[in-house]
């Protein structure tokens, strides 16, 4: 049950910069008084990167664990890897040219 709550929190937080503690409590089916410990646990386990704003009763999210990886994510990753490979090929070519020039 604990893992399901952490994964639910990741899903709710994904792509958002802030959440109210009440929204988190509702998503986790937990009382608002106990929800901060779930957020702290999610941060400590790497499910969330962020902090709790206790004064405004919000969770400020930097990033959240991504639970799904579909076509859009694969296309984005393919683009990044292709760019990285191209850059490495340019570096290898440049180093080869420098060796020949010596």
Protein backbone atom coordinates (compact mmCIF):
# COMPACT_ATOMS: atom_id res chain seq x y z
CA UNK A 1 0.00 0.00 0.00
CA UNK A 2 2.86 2.36 0.80
CA UNK A 3 4.46 1.89 -2.63
CA UNK A 4 1.14 2.53 -4.34
CA UNK A 5 0.75 5.78 -2.43
CA UNK A 6 4.25 6.88 -3.39
CA UNK A 7 3.62 6.05 -7.05
CA UNK A 8 0.28 7.86 -6.92
CA UNK A 9 2.05 10.90 -5.51
CA UNK A 10 4.57 10.72 -8.37
CA UNK A 11 1.77 10.58 -10.92
CA UNK A 12 -0.07 13.52 -9.38
CA UNK A 13 3.11 15.62 -9.15
CA UNK A 14 4.50 14.80 -12.61
CA UNK A 15 4.63 17.91 -14.80
CA UNK A 16 3.47 20.23 -12.02
CA UNK A 17 5.40 22.84 -10.09
CA UNK A 18 3.22 22.86 -6.99
CA UNK A 19 0.44 20.95 -5.28
CA UNK A 20 -1.66 21.79 -2.28
CA UNK A 21 -1.36 19.44 0.67
CA UNK A 22 -5.15 19.01 0.50
CA UNK A 23 -4.88 17.80 -3.10
CA UNK A 24 -2.16 15.35 -2.09
CA UNK A 25 -4.29 14.14 0.83
CA UNK A 26 -7.25 13.60 -1.47
CA UNK A 27 -5.15 11.71 -4.03
CA UNK A 28 -3.65 9.44 -1.39
CA UNK A 29 -6.94 8.99 0.48
CA UNK A 30 -5.14 10.18 3.59
CA UNK A 31 -6.03 12.73 6.23
CA UNK A 32 -4.48 16.19 5.70
CA UNK A 33 -2.68 15.86 9.05
CA UNK A 34 -0.73 12.78 7.88
CA UNK A 35 0.07 13.81 4.31
CA UNK A 36 3.33 15.66 5.06
CA UNK A 37 5.02 12.43 6.12
CA UNK A 38 4.16 10.89 2.74
CA UNK A 39 5.67 13.84 0.91
CA UNK A 40 8.81 13.64 3.08
CA UNK A 41 9.04 9.90 2.39
CA UNK A 42 8.60 10.46 -1.37
CA UNK A 43 11.40 13.03 -1.33
CA UNK A 44 13.71 10.81 0.72
CA UNK A 45 13.09 7.82 -1.59
CA UNK A 46 13.70 9.86 -4.74
CA UNK A 47 10.13 9.71 -6.00
CA UNK A 48 9.91 13.51 -5.76
CA UNK A 49 12.44 16.29 -5.80
CA UNK A 50 11.02 19.29 -4.03
CA UNK A 51 10.11 20.72 -0.66
CA UNK A 52 7.13 21.44 1.53
CA UNK A 53 5.98 25.01 2.03
CA UNK A 54 4.31 24.58 5.42
CA UNK A 55 3.20 28.21 5.66
CA UNK A 56 1.16 27.99 2.44
CA UNK A 57 0.41 24.26 2.82
CA UNK A 58 1.89 23.38 -0.58
CA UNK A 59 4.39 20.99 -2.08
CA UNK A 60 6.83 22.76 -4.39
CA UNK A 61 7.90 20.23 -7.01
CA UNK A 62 11.16 20.38 -8.97
CA UNK A 63 10.66 16.98 -10.59
CA UNK A 64 8.83 13.71 -10.08
CA UNK A 65 9.48 10.07 -10.96
CA UNK A 66 8.04 9.31 -14.39
CA UNK A 67 5.86 6.21 -14.26
CA UNK A 68 5.18 5.78 -17.95
CA UNK A 69 7.48 5.89 -20.94
CA UNK A 70 5.50 5.96 -24.18
CA UNK A 71 6.06 7.02 -27.80
CA UNK A 72 6.63 10.71 -27.07
CA UNK A 73 9.28 9.96 -24.47
CA UNK A 74 11.02 7.47 -26.80
CA UNK A 75 11.04 10.06 -29.60
CA UNK A 76 12.50 12.69 -27.26
CA UNK A 77 15.17 10.24 -26.07
CA UNK A 78 15.98 9.26 -29.66
CA UNK A 79 16.48 12.92 -30.58
CA UNK A 80 18.75 13.55 -27.63
CA UNK A 81 20.84 10.43 -28.28
CA UNK A 82 21.16 11.25 -31.99
CA UNK A 83 22.37 14.74 -31.13
CA UNK A 84 24.83 13.30 -28.59
CA UNK A 85 26.20 10.79 -31.13
CA UNK A 86 26.59 13.54 -33.73
CA UNK A 87 28.48 15.73 -31.26
CA UNK A 88 30.79 12.82 -30.35
CA UNK A 89 31.48 12.17 -34.03
CA UNK A 90 32.48 15.84 -34.44
CA UNK A 91 34.80 15.60 -31.43
CA UNK A 92 36.43 12.42 -32.79
CA UNK A 93 36.86 14.04 -36.20
CA UNK A 94 38.39 17.16 -34.62
CA UNK A 95 40.84 15.10 -32.54
CA UNK A 96 41.82 13.10 -35.64
CA UNK A 97 42.45 16.33 -37.56
CA UNK A 98 44.60 17.66 -34.71
CA UNK A 99 46.72 14.49 -34.70
CA UNK A 100 47.29 14.73 -38.47
CA UNK A 101 48.20 18.44 -38.21
CA UNK A 102 51.04 17.65 -35.75
